[in-house]
Protein backbone atom coordinates (compact mmCIF):
# COMPACT_ATOMS: atom_id res chain seq x y z
CA MET A 1 160.81 188.54 -123.99
CA LYS A 2 159.66 191.55 -126.00
CA TYR A 3 159.72 194.96 -124.29
CA ILE A 4 157.87 197.97 -125.73
CA GLN A 5 159.06 201.57 -125.34
CA GLU A 6 156.24 203.31 -123.47
CA PHE A 7 157.68 206.74 -122.69
CA SER A 8 160.88 208.76 -122.16
CA ARG A 9 161.68 211.12 -119.29
CA ASN A 10 164.53 213.28 -118.04
CA TYR A 11 165.07 211.09 -114.96
CA SER A 12 168.26 211.04 -112.93
CA LEU A 13 169.67 207.65 -111.92
CA PHE A 14 168.53 208.38 -108.36
CA GLN A 15 165.02 208.93 -109.69
CA VAL A 16 165.10 205.79 -111.84
CA VAL A 17 165.89 203.64 -108.81
CA ALA A 18 163.29 205.41 -106.65
CA TYR A 19 160.68 204.85 -109.38
CA THR A 20 161.05 201.09 -109.10
CA GLU A 21 161.14 201.10 -105.30
CA PHE A 22 158.01 203.14 -104.64
CA ASN A 23 156.14 201.06 -107.21
CA ARG A 24 156.96 197.83 -105.43
CA ARG A 25 156.13 198.67 -101.83
CA PRO A 26 152.72 198.28 -100.23
CA SER A 27 150.66 200.99 -98.59
CA LYS A 28 151.54 200.82 -94.90
CA GLU A 29 148.07 201.99 -93.89
CA PHE A 30 146.12 199.38 -95.84
CA ASN A 31 148.68 196.61 -96.31
CA THR A 32 147.81 196.58 -100.00
CA PHE A 33 150.38 195.55 -102.59
CA VAL A 34 150.02 197.00 -106.08
CA ASP A 35 152.17 195.08 -108.56
CA THR A 36 153.28 197.60 -111.14
CA GLY A 37 155.29 195.32 -113.35
CA HIS A 38 158.88 195.03 -114.45
CA PRO A 39 160.03 198.25 -116.14
CA LEU A 40 163.36 198.44 -117.94
CA PHE A 41 165.28 201.73 -118.23
CA VAL A 42 167.73 202.46 -121.03
CA TYR A 43 170.01 205.49 -121.13
CA LYS A 44 172.23 205.98 -124.18
CA ASP A 45 172.91 209.67 -124.48
CA GLY A 46 171.18 212.70 -123.00
CA PRO A 47 168.95 213.92 -121.84
CA LEU A 48 166.19 211.27 -121.70
CA VAL A 49 165.89 207.81 -120.23
CA ASP A 50 163.70 205.44 -122.28
CA ILE A 51 161.27 203.36 -120.22
CA TYR A 52 160.13 199.97 -121.53
CA TYR A 53 157.57 197.45 -120.29
CA PRO A 54 156.82 193.89 -121.40
CA GLU A 55 154.29 193.82 -124.20
CA GLY A 56 150.79 194.23 -122.76
CA GLU A 57 151.95 194.71 -119.16
CA LEU A 58 150.81 198.33 -118.72
CA LYS A 59 147.25 197.39 -119.69
CA LYS A 60 147.34 194.60 -117.13
CA ILE A 61 148.74 196.94 -114.47
CA PHE A 62 145.96 199.47 -115.07
CA GLY A 63 143.36 196.73 -114.70
CA GLU A 64 144.85 195.47 -111.43
CA PHE A 65 145.22 199.00 -110.11
CA GLY A 66 141.57 199.68 -110.93
CA LYS A 67 140.52 196.78 -108.71
CA VAL A 68 142.59 198.09 -105.79
CA ALA A 69 141.76 201.78 -106.20
CA SER A 70 138.02 201.12 -106.46
CA ASN A 71 138.09 200.40 -102.72
CA ALA A 72 136.92 203.80 -101.49
CA ASP A 73 138.55 203.50 -98.05
CA TYR A 74 141.90 202.64 -99.59
CA PHE A 75 141.66 205.40 -102.18
CA HIS A 76 140.65 208.14 -99.74
CA GLY A 77 143.37 207.01 -97.32
CA VAL A 78 146.09 207.19 -99.97
CA VAL A 79 144.97 210.63 -101.13
CA GLU A 80 144.77 211.91 -97.54
CA LYS A 81 148.32 210.71 -96.88
CA PHE A 82 149.46 212.18 -100.22
CA PHE A 83 148.42 215.68 -99.17
CA LYS A 84 150.33 215.31 -95.89
CA VAL A 85 153.42 214.19 -97.78
CA VAL A 86 153.04 217.08 -100.23
CA GLU A 87 153.23 219.64 -97.43
CA GLU A 88 156.62 218.29 -96.36
CA ALA A 89 157.96 217.39 -99.82
CA LYS A 90 157.29 220.79 -101.37
CA LEU A 91 159.79 222.39 -98.98
CA TYR A 92 162.49 220.32 -100.66
CA PHE A 93 161.02 220.49 -104.15
CA GLU A 94 160.87 224.29 -103.94
CA LYS A 95 164.40 224.35 -102.44
CA THR A 96 163.26 226.07 -99.26
CA ARG A 97 164.95 223.22 -97.40
CA PHE A 98 167.86 221.03 -98.48
CA ALA A 99 169.97 218.09 -97.30
CA LYS A 100 172.79 218.93 -94.90
CA ASN A 101 174.00 215.35 -94.47
CA LEU A 102 173.34 211.81 -95.72
CA SER A 103 170.60 211.28 -93.13
CA ASP A 104 168.72 214.25 -94.60
CA LEU A 105 169.20 212.87 -98.11
CA LYS A 106 167.87 209.48 -97.02
CA TYR A 107 164.84 211.21 -95.54
CA ILE A 108 164.24 213.07 -98.83
CA TYR A 109 164.60 209.77 -100.69
CA GLU A 110 161.91 208.09 -98.58
CA LEU A 111 159.72 211.19 -98.80
CA PHE A 112 160.11 211.16 -102.58
CA LYS A 113 158.87 207.57 -102.71
CA ASP A 114 155.87 208.41 -100.54
CA PHE A 115 155.14 211.32 -102.87
CA GLY A 116 155.52 209.05 -105.88
CA TYR A 117 153.10 206.48 -104.49
CA GLY A 118 150.38 209.09 -103.97
CA GLU A 119 151.15 210.88 -107.22
CA ALA A 120 150.85 207.64 -109.19
CA THR A 121 147.45 207.04 -107.62
CA VAL A 122 145.95 210.44 -108.44
CA TRP A 123 147.42 210.58 -111.95
CA VAL A 124 146.50 207.06 -113.03
CA ALA A 125 143.10 206.82 -111.33
CA PRO A 126 141.17 208.99 -113.85
CA LEU A 127 142.31 206.64 -116.63
CA ILE A 128 140.73 203.59 -114.99
CA GLU A 129 137.43 202.93 -116.76
CA THR A 130 135.92 200.96 -113.88
CA LEU A 131 136.74 203.55 -111.20
CA PRO A 132 133.64 205.26 -109.67
CA GLN A 133 133.16 208.83 -110.90
CA ASP A 134 133.43 210.40 -107.43
CA LEU A 135 136.91 208.89 -107.01
CA LYS A 136 137.95 210.10 -110.46
CA THR A 137 136.77 213.60 -109.53
CA LYS A 138 138.75 213.51 -106.29
CA ALA A 139 141.84 212.30 -108.15
CA LEU A 140 141.56 215.08 -110.74
CA SER A 141 141.23 217.65 -107.95
CA ALA A 142 144.34 216.29 -106.25
CA ARG A 143 146.22 216.40 -109.57
CA GLU A 144 145.29 220.04 -110.09
CA LYS A 145 146.42 221.01 -106.60
CA THR A 146 149.80 219.28 -106.87
CA GLN A 147 150.73 219.47 -110.58
CA ASP A 148 153.14 222.39 -110.07
CA LEU A 149 155.34 220.08 -108.01
CA THR A 150 155.69 217.55 -110.84
CA SER A 151 158.49 219.37 -112.65
CA LEU A 152 160.14 220.53 -109.41
CA ARG A 153 160.21 216.90 -108.27
CA ASP A 154 162.61 215.97 -111.08
CA GLU A 155 165.30 218.32 -109.78
CA VAL A 156 165.27 217.40 -106.10
CA PHE A 157 168.01 214.75 -106.20
CA ASP A 158 170.40 216.61 -108.49
CA TYR A 159 170.04 219.68 -106.29
CA ASN A 160 170.50 217.96 -102.93
CA ILE A 161 173.30 215.63 -104.03
CA GLY A 162 174.99 218.73 -105.41
CA LYS A 163 174.76 220.34 -101.99
CA LEU A 164 176.53 217.37 -100.39
CA PHE A 165 179.00 216.69 -103.23
CA PRO A 166 179.49 219.98 -105.14
CA GLU A 167 182.60 218.59 -106.83
CA LEU A 168 180.39 216.23 -108.89
CA GLY A 169 178.83 219.07 -110.89
CA GLU A 170 176.38 217.79 -113.52
CA LEU A 171 177.40 214.20 -112.73
CA THR A 172 174.99 214.30 -109.77
CA HIS A 173 172.46 213.20 -112.41
CA PHE A 174 174.22 209.82 -112.66
CA VAL A 175 174.84 209.00 -109.01
CA ASP A 176 173.61 205.63 -107.72
CA PRO A 177 171.61 205.74 -104.43
CA GLU A 178 173.21 202.54 -103.15
CA SER A 179 176.68 204.02 -103.55
CA VAL A 180 175.76 207.26 -101.81
CA PHE A 181 174.09 205.56 -98.86
CA ALA A 182 177.05 203.16 -98.58
CA ASN A 183 179.15 206.26 -97.74
CA LYS A 184 181.37 206.05 -100.80
CA ASN A 185 183.61 209.09 -101.09
CA SER A 186 183.32 211.72 -103.80
CA ASP A 187 186.17 210.23 -105.87
CA GLU A 188 184.40 206.87 -106.00
CA LEU A 189 181.08 208.52 -106.82
CA LEU A 190 182.74 210.60 -109.54
CA LYS A 191 184.25 207.49 -111.15
CA GLU A 192 180.93 205.59 -111.10
CA ALA A 193 178.86 208.54 -112.33
CA SER A 194 181.28 209.15 -115.21
CA MET A 195 180.79 205.52 -116.25
CA TYR A 196 176.99 205.67 -116.01
CA ARG A 197 176.90 208.88 -118.05
CA GLU A 198 178.27 206.88 -120.99
CA GLY A 199 175.12 204.74 -120.89
CA PHE A 200 173.38 202.25 -118.63
CA ILE A 201 170.52 199.79 -118.38
CA PHE A 202 168.61 199.49 -115.11
CA PHE A 203 166.56 196.35 -114.63
CA ASN A 204 165.33 194.42 -111.59
CA GLY A 205 167.43 196.48 -109.20
CA HIS A 206 170.69 196.16 -111.13
CA ILE A 207 172.68 198.72 -113.13
CA TYR A 208 174.32 197.30 -116.27
CA VAL A 209 177.01 199.11 -118.26
CA GLY A 210 178.79 198.17 -121.46
CA ASP A 211 177.52 196.98 -124.83
CA GLN A 212 173.76 197.37 -124.46
CA GLU A 213 172.93 194.87 -127.19
CA GLU A 214 175.00 192.24 -125.43
CA ILE A 215 173.40 193.08 -122.08
CA LEU A 216 169.89 192.75 -123.49
CA LYS A 217 170.83 189.49 -125.18
CA LYS A 218 172.00 188.06 -121.86
CA LEU A 219 168.79 189.25 -120.21
CA ASN A 220 166.82 187.61 -123.05
CA ILE A 221 165.06 190.91 -123.78
CA GLU A 222 164.12 192.28 -127.21
CA LEU A 223 163.34 196.01 -127.44
CA GLU A 224 160.70 197.42 -129.76
CA LEU A 225 159.96 201.11 -130.35
CA ARG A 226 156.30 202.04 -129.99
CA VAL A 227 156.53 204.26 -133.07
CA GLU A 228 158.90 203.58 -135.96
CA LYS A 229 161.45 206.25 -136.76
CA ASN A 230 160.93 206.93 -140.48
CA VAL A 231 157.27 207.93 -140.75
CA ASP A 232 155.45 210.73 -142.55
CA SER A 233 152.55 211.04 -140.12
CA ILE A 234 151.34 209.87 -136.73
CA HIS A 235 147.73 208.97 -135.93
CA TRP A 236 146.75 208.89 -132.27
CA GLN A 237 144.36 210.46 -129.79
CA SER A 238 143.43 214.12 -130.06
CA ALA A 239 142.85 216.09 -126.88
CA CYS A 240 140.89 218.80 -128.71
CA SER A 241 139.50 219.17 -132.21
CA GLY A 242 140.91 221.49 -134.83
CA LYS A 243 143.89 221.88 -137.13
CA ALA A 244 147.22 223.60 -136.65
CA THR A 245 150.19 224.18 -138.89
CA GLY A 246 153.62 225.25 -137.76
CA LYS A 247 157.30 224.45 -137.46
CA VAL A 248 158.06 221.54 -135.14
CA LYS A 249 160.26 222.29 -132.13
CA ILE A 250 161.30 219.34 -129.96
CA VAL A 251 161.32 220.17 -126.24
CA LEU A 252 162.95 217.55 -124.01
CA THR A 253 163.68 219.69 -120.93
CA SER A 254 162.86 223.18 -119.67
CA LYS A 255 166.16 224.37 -121.18
CA ASP A 256 164.63 223.84 -124.66
CA ILE A 257 161.64 226.15 -124.11
CA SER A 258 163.55 229.15 -125.45
CA LYS A 259 163.45 227.48 -128.90
CA ILE A 260 159.67 227.96 -129.15
CA GLN A 261 158.57 230.86 -131.36
CA ASP A 262 155.04 232.14 -131.95
CA GLY A 263 153.01 229.54 -133.86
CA ASP A 264 155.44 226.62 -133.49
CA ILE A 265 154.32 223.04 -132.80
CA LEU A 266 155.68 221.97 -129.41
CA VAL A 267 156.67 218.28 -129.43
CA SER A 268 157.65 216.78 -126.08
CA PRO A 269 157.43 213.55 -124.07
CA MET A 270 155.01 215.41 -121.78
CA THR A 271 154.00 218.99 -121.03
CA ARG A 272 154.97 220.38 -117.62
CA PRO A 273 154.25 223.56 -115.65
CA ASP A 274 157.72 224.92 -116.47
CA PHE A 275 156.85 224.69 -120.19
CA ILE A 276 154.00 227.19 -119.88
CA SER A 277 155.88 230.15 -121.39
CA GLY A 278 156.36 228.15 -124.60
CA MET A 279 152.91 226.60 -124.51
CA LYS A 280 151.30 230.04 -124.50
CA ILE A 281 152.74 230.92 -127.90
CA ALA A 282 152.75 227.47 -129.54
CA SER A 283 149.92 226.64 -131.92
CA ALA A 284 149.69 222.99 -130.82
CA PHE A 285 151.30 220.39 -128.56
CA VAL A 286 152.19 216.78 -129.36
CA THR A 287 153.16 214.48 -126.46
CA ASP A 288 153.62 210.77 -125.87
């Protein structure tokens, strides 16, 4: 089966697993299951994880989601719950509160998935052509009110795992949730995380390590980049009209923002609130 690279993000392994779990669970309030496909995650070397979907699957997912979200009662219920979750989640995202034990970390993990479910709804909804305008407006309003938490969200697991296992250092980024919640000790976690840092593939709930070409061959999966590497120009959608010229600076994480000088072109998988200092002086942005 052919898989297409759709986007790349600075996700921790904890976040990768949570991404697949919140996508696959139904809304408790409305007993509605939203099938969001079969993503494949590939990590080779830092800092980004590449996310692939079967060819044409994202378009299908958007169509199915549009049918579900167009139910006004369902949509309003999900958004209402999202705001309740946000009030609790932001305490952890803003590091006002942190995990003191594994039970706390498990709570944050479940809270993260609740946040992700609501966040996916309000971010994807405006892109659904068949969605009523009043629901799109409500979704956009919810996005605006919660967008500052998007970048903070990405740090919550590294930060809290670091509180519980400070000896892991930056390897907290490569800790497997199943291992943590199985009460493995820090030496075991350190050994696993060191292995995952060398590269991994996550697919259908399993972490694969080793020769990635061999792994993909066994899974009967062929990867295809959405954009070829050696190109002179890219033609895609423009968010605003005009022309800009400048030196390209690639920004993958907030640590790269210091590279941006006045008039540069900021190229990134996506813009985030913590990129604002660089965005203010850049002449244009290019994202995926």
